Amino acid sequence: MESATAEAVSKDRMVSAKVNARGEIDELRFHTSKYRTMAPAELSAAVLDVIGRARAEMERRVAEALGPVAPGTPESRAEVIRGGDPSAFLAELGLDFPGPPRP
């Protein structure tokens, strides 16, 4: 998995993003010059979309690859991999998660 990458391409094929197994951006590539005439918010949305989709694909692949050696469902493993709430994963293992401290 260390050398694995996932790539996503925008619907209009203007931009693509490639991420590594840690979800870090390895490559961001513009395939056309359309970005030069786009509004900043539109360009930002396109870039964030391809990065998000590439990361989601990589999370899915990592969670799937861990299946034979890690307990839990692919969904709960993916949640933990992306740094989210581990309570569902721990519940599947029969462990209680105390959650954040209460004020």
N, C-alpha and C. Protein backbone atom coordinates (compact mmCIF):
# COMPACT_ATOMS: atom_id res chain seq x y z
N MET A 1 0.82 -1.20 0.00
CA MET A 1 0.00 0.00 0.00
C MET A 1 0.87 1.26 0.00
N GLU A 2 2.10 1.16 0.46
CA GLU A 2 2.95 2.35 0.56
C GLU A 2 3.10 3.07 -0.78
N SER A 3 3.11 2.34 -1.87
CA SER A 3 3.29 2.97 -3.18
C SER A 3 1.97 3.17 -3.93
N ALA A 4 0.85 2.82 -3.30
CA ALA A 4 -0.45 2.94 -3.96
C ALA A 4 -0.85 4.41 -4.12
N THR A 5 -1.55 4.68 -5.22
CA THR A 5 -2.10 6.01 -5.46
C THR A 5 -3.51 5.86 -6.00
N ALA A 6 -4.29 6.91 -5.84
CA ALA A 6 -5.63 6.97 -6.43
C ALA A 6 -5.74 8.31 -7.13
N GLU A 7 -6.44 8.31 -8.26
CA GLU A 7 -6.55 9.53 -9.05
C GLU A 7 -8.02 9.80 -9.37
N ALA A 8 -8.36 11.08 -9.41
CA ALA A 8 -9.69 11.50 -9.83
C ALA A 8 -9.51 12.62 -10.86
N VAL A 9 -10.43 12.64 -11.83
CA VAL A 9 -10.40 13.64 -12.90
C VAL A 9 -11.74 14.37 -12.90
N SER A 10 -11.69 15.68 -13.10
CA SER A 10 -12.93 16.47 -13.14
C SER A 10 -13.78 16.04 -14.32
N LYS A 11 -15.08 16.30 -14.23
CA LYS A 11 -16.01 15.90 -15.28
C LYS A 11 -15.66 16.49 -16.64
N ASP A 12 -15.14 17.72 -16.62
CA ASP A 12 -14.76 18.36 -17.88
C ASP A 12 -13.32 18.05 -18.28
N ARG A 13 -12.66 17.18 -17.52
CA ARG A 13 -11.29 16.72 -17.77
C ARG A 13 -10.26 17.85 -17.69
N MET A 14 -10.61 18.93 -17.02
CA MET A 14 -9.71 20.07 -16.90
C MET A 14 -8.60 19.82 -15.88
N VAL A 15 -8.94 19.18 -14.76
CA VAL A 15 -7.99 19.01 -13.67
C VAL A 15 -8.07 17.59 -13.12
N SER A 16 -6.92 17.10 -12.66
CA SER A 16 -6.89 15.80 -12.01
C SER A 16 -6.01 15.89 -10.77
N ALA A 17 -6.29 15.02 -9.83
CA ALA A 17 -5.50 14.95 -8.59
C ALA A 17 -5.17 13.50 -8.31
N LYS A 18 -3.96 13.30 -7.82
CA LYS A 18 -3.51 11.96 -7.43
C LYS A 18 -3.06 12.05 -5.98
N VAL A 19 -3.52 11.10 -5.15
CA VAL A 19 -3.14 11.06 -3.75
C VAL A 19 -2.47 9.73 -3.43
N ASN A 20 -1.64 9.74 -2.37
CA ASN A 20 -0.99 8.51 -1.94
C ASN A 20 -1.84 7.81 -0.88
N ALA A 21 -1.32 6.72 -0.34
CA ALA A 21 -2.09 5.92 0.62
C ALA A 21 -2.37 6.66 1.92
N ARG A 22 -1.65 7.72 2.20
CA ARG A 22 -1.90 8.53 3.39
C ARG A 22 -2.87 9.67 3.09
N GLY A 23 -3.35 9.76 1.85
CA GLY A 23 -4.29 10.81 1.47
C GLY A 23 -3.62 12.12 1.12
N GLU A 24 -2.29 12.13 1.07
CA GLU A 24 -1.55 13.34 0.72
C GLU A 24 -1.55 13.52 -0.80
N ILE A 25 -1.61 14.75 -1.25
CA ILE A 25 -1.63 15.04 -2.68
C ILE A 25 -0.25 14.79 -3.26
N ASP A 26 -0.17 13.87 -4.21
CA ASP A 26 1.07 13.60 -4.91
C ASP A 26 1.18 14.42 -6.19
N GLU A 27 0.02 14.69 -6.79
CA GLU A 27 0.04 15.39 -8.07
C GLU A 27 -1.28 16.13 -8.27
N LEU A 28 -1.16 17.34 -8.76
CA LEU A 28 -2.32 18.13 -9.18
C LEU A 28 -1.98 18.64 -10.56
N ARG A 29 -2.79 18.26 -11.54
CA ARG A 29 -2.45 18.57 -12.93
C ARG A 29 -3.63 19.23 -13.64
N PHE A 30 -3.32 20.29 -14.36
CA PHE A 30 -4.31 20.97 -15.20
C PHE A 30 -4.08 20.52 -16.63
N HIS A 31 -5.14 19.98 -17.26
CA HIS A 31 -5.01 19.41 -18.60
C HIS A 31 -5.42 20.38 -19.70
N THR A 32 -6.08 21.45 -19.33
CA THR A 32 -6.47 22.48 -20.30
C THR A 32 -6.15 23.84 -19.69
N SER A 33 -6.33 24.88 -20.45
CA SER A 33 -6.08 26.23 -19.92
C SER A 33 -7.38 26.89 -19.44
N LYS A 34 -8.46 26.12 -19.35
CA LYS A 34 -9.75 26.65 -18.92
C LYS A 34 -9.66 27.33 -17.55
N TYR A 35 -8.77 26.82 -16.68
CA TYR A 35 -8.65 27.37 -15.33
C TYR A 35 -8.30 28.86 -15.34
N ARG A 36 -7.69 29.34 -16.39
CA ARG A 36 -7.26 30.74 -16.48
C ARG A 36 -8.44 31.71 -16.54
N THR A 37 -9.57 31.23 -17.02
CA THR A 37 -10.74 32.11 -17.17
C THR A 37 -11.84 31.82 -16.14
N MET A 38 -11.58 30.90 -15.24
CA MET A 38 -12.58 30.53 -14.24
C MET A 38 -12.57 31.52 -13.08
N ALA A 39 -13.72 31.70 -12.49
CA ALA A 39 -13.82 32.48 -11.25
C ALA A 39 -13.07 31.71 -10.16
N PRO A 40 -12.43 32.41 -9.24
CA PRO A 40 -11.67 31.73 -8.18
C PRO A 40 -12.49 30.68 -7.42
N ALA A 41 -13.73 30.99 -7.09
CA ALA A 41 -14.56 30.03 -6.35
C ALA A 41 -14.84 28.79 -7.18
N GLU A 42 -15.05 28.96 -8.47
CA GLU A 42 -15.32 27.83 -9.36
C GLU A 42 -14.08 26.95 -9.48
N LEU A 43 -12.92 27.55 -9.64
CA LEU A 43 -11.68 26.79 -9.74
C LEU A 43 -11.41 26.05 -8.43
N SER A 44 -11.58 26.73 -7.32
CA SER A 44 -11.38 26.12 -6.02
C SER A 44 -12.30 24.91 -5.84
N ALA A 45 -13.56 25.05 -6.21
CA ALA A 45 -14.52 23.94 -6.09
C ALA A 45 -14.10 22.75 -6.94
N ALA A 46 -13.62 23.00 -8.15
CA ALA A 46 -13.19 21.92 -9.04
C ALA A 46 -11.98 21.18 -8.46
N VAL A 47 -11.02 21.94 -7.94
CA VAL A 47 -9.81 21.33 -7.36
C VAL A 47 -10.16 20.54 -6.11
N LEU A 48 -10.95 21.13 -5.22
CA LEU A 48 -11.34 20.42 -3.99
C LEU A 48 -12.14 19.17 -4.30
N ASP A 49 -12.98 19.22 -5.32
CA ASP A 49 -13.78 18.05 -5.70
C ASP A 49 -12.89 16.89 -6.13
N VAL A 50 -11.93 17.12 -7.01
CA VAL A 50 -11.09 16.00 -7.47
C VAL A 50 -10.20 15.48 -6.35
N ILE A 51 -9.71 16.36 -5.49
CA ILE A 51 -8.91 15.90 -4.36
C ILE A 51 -9.76 15.06 -3.42
N GLY A 52 -10.95 15.51 -3.13
CA GLY A 52 -11.85 14.75 -2.25
C GLY A 52 -12.21 13.39 -2.81
N ARG A 53 -12.50 13.34 -4.11
CA ARG A 53 -12.84 12.06 -4.72
C ARG A 53 -11.65 11.11 -4.76
N ALA A 54 -10.46 11.63 -5.01
CA ALA A 54 -9.26 10.78 -4.99
C ALA A 54 -9.00 10.24 -3.59
N ARG A 55 -9.16 11.10 -2.58
CA ARG A 55 -8.97 10.65 -1.20
C ARG A 55 -10.01 9.60 -0.81
N ALA A 56 -11.25 9.80 -1.20
CA ALA A 56 -12.31 8.83 -0.88
C ALA A 56 -12.00 7.47 -1.51
N GLU A 57 -11.52 7.48 -2.74
CA GLU A 57 -11.16 6.23 -3.41
C GLU A 57 -10.01 5.55 -2.68
N MET A 58 -9.01 6.33 -2.27
CA MET A 58 -7.88 5.74 -1.56
C MET A 58 -8.31 5.20 -0.21
N GLU A 59 -9.17 5.92 0.51
CA GLU A 59 -9.69 5.43 1.79
C GLU A 59 -10.40 4.09 1.60
N ARG A 60 -11.20 4.00 0.55
CA ARG A 60 -11.92 2.76 0.27
C ARG A 60 -10.94 1.62 0.01
N ARG A 61 -9.90 1.89 -0.79
CA ARG A 61 -8.93 0.85 -1.14
C ARG A 61 -8.11 0.42 0.08
N VAL A 62 -7.72 1.36 0.92
CA VAL A 62 -6.95 1.02 2.12
C VAL A 62 -7.82 0.20 3.08
N ALA A 63 -9.06 0.64 3.29
CA ALA A 63 -9.97 -0.10 4.17
C ALA A 63 -10.21 -1.51 3.65
N GLU A 64 -10.35 -1.63 2.35
CA GLU A 64 -10.56 -2.95 1.73
C GLU A 64 -9.32 -3.82 1.90
N ALA A 65 -8.14 -3.24 1.71
CA ALA A 65 -6.89 -3.99 1.83
C ALA A 65 -6.66 -4.47 3.26
N LEU A 66 -7.14 -3.69 4.23
CA LEU A 66 -6.98 -4.07 5.64
C LEU A 66 -7.96 -5.15 6.07
N GLY A 67 -8.97 -5.41 5.25
CA GLY A 67 -10.02 -6.37 5.60
C GLY A 67 -9.53 -7.69 6.13
N PRO A 68 -8.57 -8.34 5.47
CA PRO A 68 -8.13 -9.65 5.96
C PRO A 68 -7.37 -9.61 7.29
N VAL A 69 -6.84 -8.45 7.66
CA VAL A 69 -6.02 -8.40 8.88
C VAL A 69 -6.59 -7.49 9.97
N ALA A 70 -7.61 -6.72 9.64
CA ALA A 70 -8.19 -5.80 10.62
C ALA A 70 -9.67 -6.11 10.79
N PRO A 71 -10.14 -6.11 12.03
CA PRO A 71 -11.55 -6.37 12.26
C PRO A 71 -12.41 -5.18 11.84
N GLY A 72 -13.70 -5.38 11.88
CA GLY A 72 -14.63 -4.30 11.57
C GLY A 72 -15.06 -4.31 10.12
N THR A 73 -16.03 -3.47 9.82
CA THR A 73 -16.53 -3.36 8.46
C THR A 73 -15.65 -2.39 7.66
N PRO A 74 -15.68 -2.46 6.34
CA PRO A 74 -14.92 -1.51 5.54
C PRO A 74 -15.29 -0.06 5.85
N GLU A 75 -16.57 0.18 6.14
CA GLU A 75 -17.02 1.55 6.43
C GLU A 75 -16.42 2.07 7.72
N SER A 76 -16.43 1.23 8.78
CA SER A 76 -15.89 1.70 10.06
C SER A 76 -14.38 1.85 9.99
N ARG A 77 -13.69 0.97 9.24
CA ARG A 77 -12.24 1.12 9.06
C ARG A 77 -11.94 2.40 8.30
N ALA A 78 -12.72 2.70 7.26
CA ALA A 78 -12.49 3.92 6.47
C ALA A 78 -12.69 5.16 7.33
N GLU A 79 -13.67 5.13 8.22
CA GLU A 79 -13.91 6.27 9.12
C GLU A 79 -12.69 6.52 10.01
N VAL A 80 -12.11 5.45 10.53
CA VAL A 80 -10.92 5.59 11.37
C VAL A 80 -9.74 6.06 10.53
N ILE A 81 -9.58 5.52 9.33
CA ILE A 81 -8.47 5.90 8.46
C ILE A 81 -8.51 7.39 8.15
N ARG A 82 -9.70 7.93 7.91
CA ARG A 82 -9.79 9.35 7.56
C ARG A 82 -9.75 10.24 8.80
N GLY A 83 -9.55 9.65 9.97
CA GLY A 83 -9.39 10.44 11.18
C GLY A 83 -10.70 10.80 11.85
N GLY A 84 -11.76 10.08 11.49
CA GLY A 84 -13.08 10.38 12.05
C GLY A 84 -13.33 9.69 13.38
N ASP A 85 -14.59 9.60 13.72
CA ASP A 85 -15.04 9.03 14.99
C ASP A 85 -14.79 7.51 15.00
N PRO A 86 -13.99 7.01 15.94
CA PRO A 86 -13.70 5.58 15.99
C PRO A 86 -14.73 4.76 16.75
N SER A 87 -15.82 5.38 17.24
CA SER A 87 -16.76 4.67 18.11
C SER A 87 -17.43 3.48 17.41
N ALA A 88 -17.81 3.61 16.14
CA ALA A 88 -18.45 2.49 15.45
C ALA A 88 -17.47 1.32 15.31
N PHE A 89 -16.24 1.62 14.96
CA PHE A 89 -15.21 0.59 14.82
C PHE A 89 -15.00 -0.12 16.15
N LEU A 90 -14.86 0.66 17.23
CA LEU A 90 -14.64 0.07 18.55
C LEU A 90 -15.86 -0.73 19.01
N ALA A 91 -17.06 -0.26 18.69
CA ALA A 91 -18.28 -0.99 19.06
C ALA A 91 -18.31 -2.35 18.36
N GLU A 92 -17.86 -2.41 17.10
CA GLU A 92 -17.81 -3.68 16.38
C GLU A 92 -16.85 -4.66 17.03
N LEU A 93 -15.86 -4.11 17.74
CA LEU A 93 -14.90 -4.96 18.45
C LEU A 93 -15.36 -5.30 19.86
N GLY A 94 -16.54 -4.78 20.24
CA GLY A 94 -17.08 -5.03 21.57
C GLY A 94 -16.44 -4.15 22.63
N LEU A 95 -15.86 -3.03 22.22
CA LEU A 95 -15.21 -2.12 23.16
C LEU A 95 -16.04 -0.86 23.31
N ASP A 96 -16.06 -0.33 24.49
CA ASP A 96 -16.76 0.92 24.74
C ASP A 96 -15.83 2.09 24.43
N PHE A 97 -16.39 3.12 23.83
CA PHE A 97 -15.64 4.35 23.58
C PHE A 97 -16.26 5.43 24.42
N PRO A 98 -15.51 5.98 25.37
CA PRO A 98 -16.09 6.95 26.29
C PRO A 98 -16.50 8.25 25.63
N GLY A 99 -15.97 8.57 24.48
CA GLY A 99 -16.30 9.83 23.82
C GLY A 99 -15.57 10.99 24.46
N PRO A 100 -15.84 12.20 23.97
CA PRO A 100 -15.15 13.36 24.51
C PRO A 100 -15.61 13.66 25.92
N PRO A 101 -14.74 14.27 26.71
CA PRO A 101 -15.13 14.60 28.08
C PRO A 101 -16.26 15.62 28.10
N ARG A 102 -17.14 15.49 29.04
CA ARG A 102 -18.28 16.42 29.16
C ARG A 102 -17.88 17.60 30.04
N PRO A 103 -18.37 18.78 29.67
CA PRO A 103 -18.01 19.98 30.47
C PRO A 103 -18.66 19.97 31.84
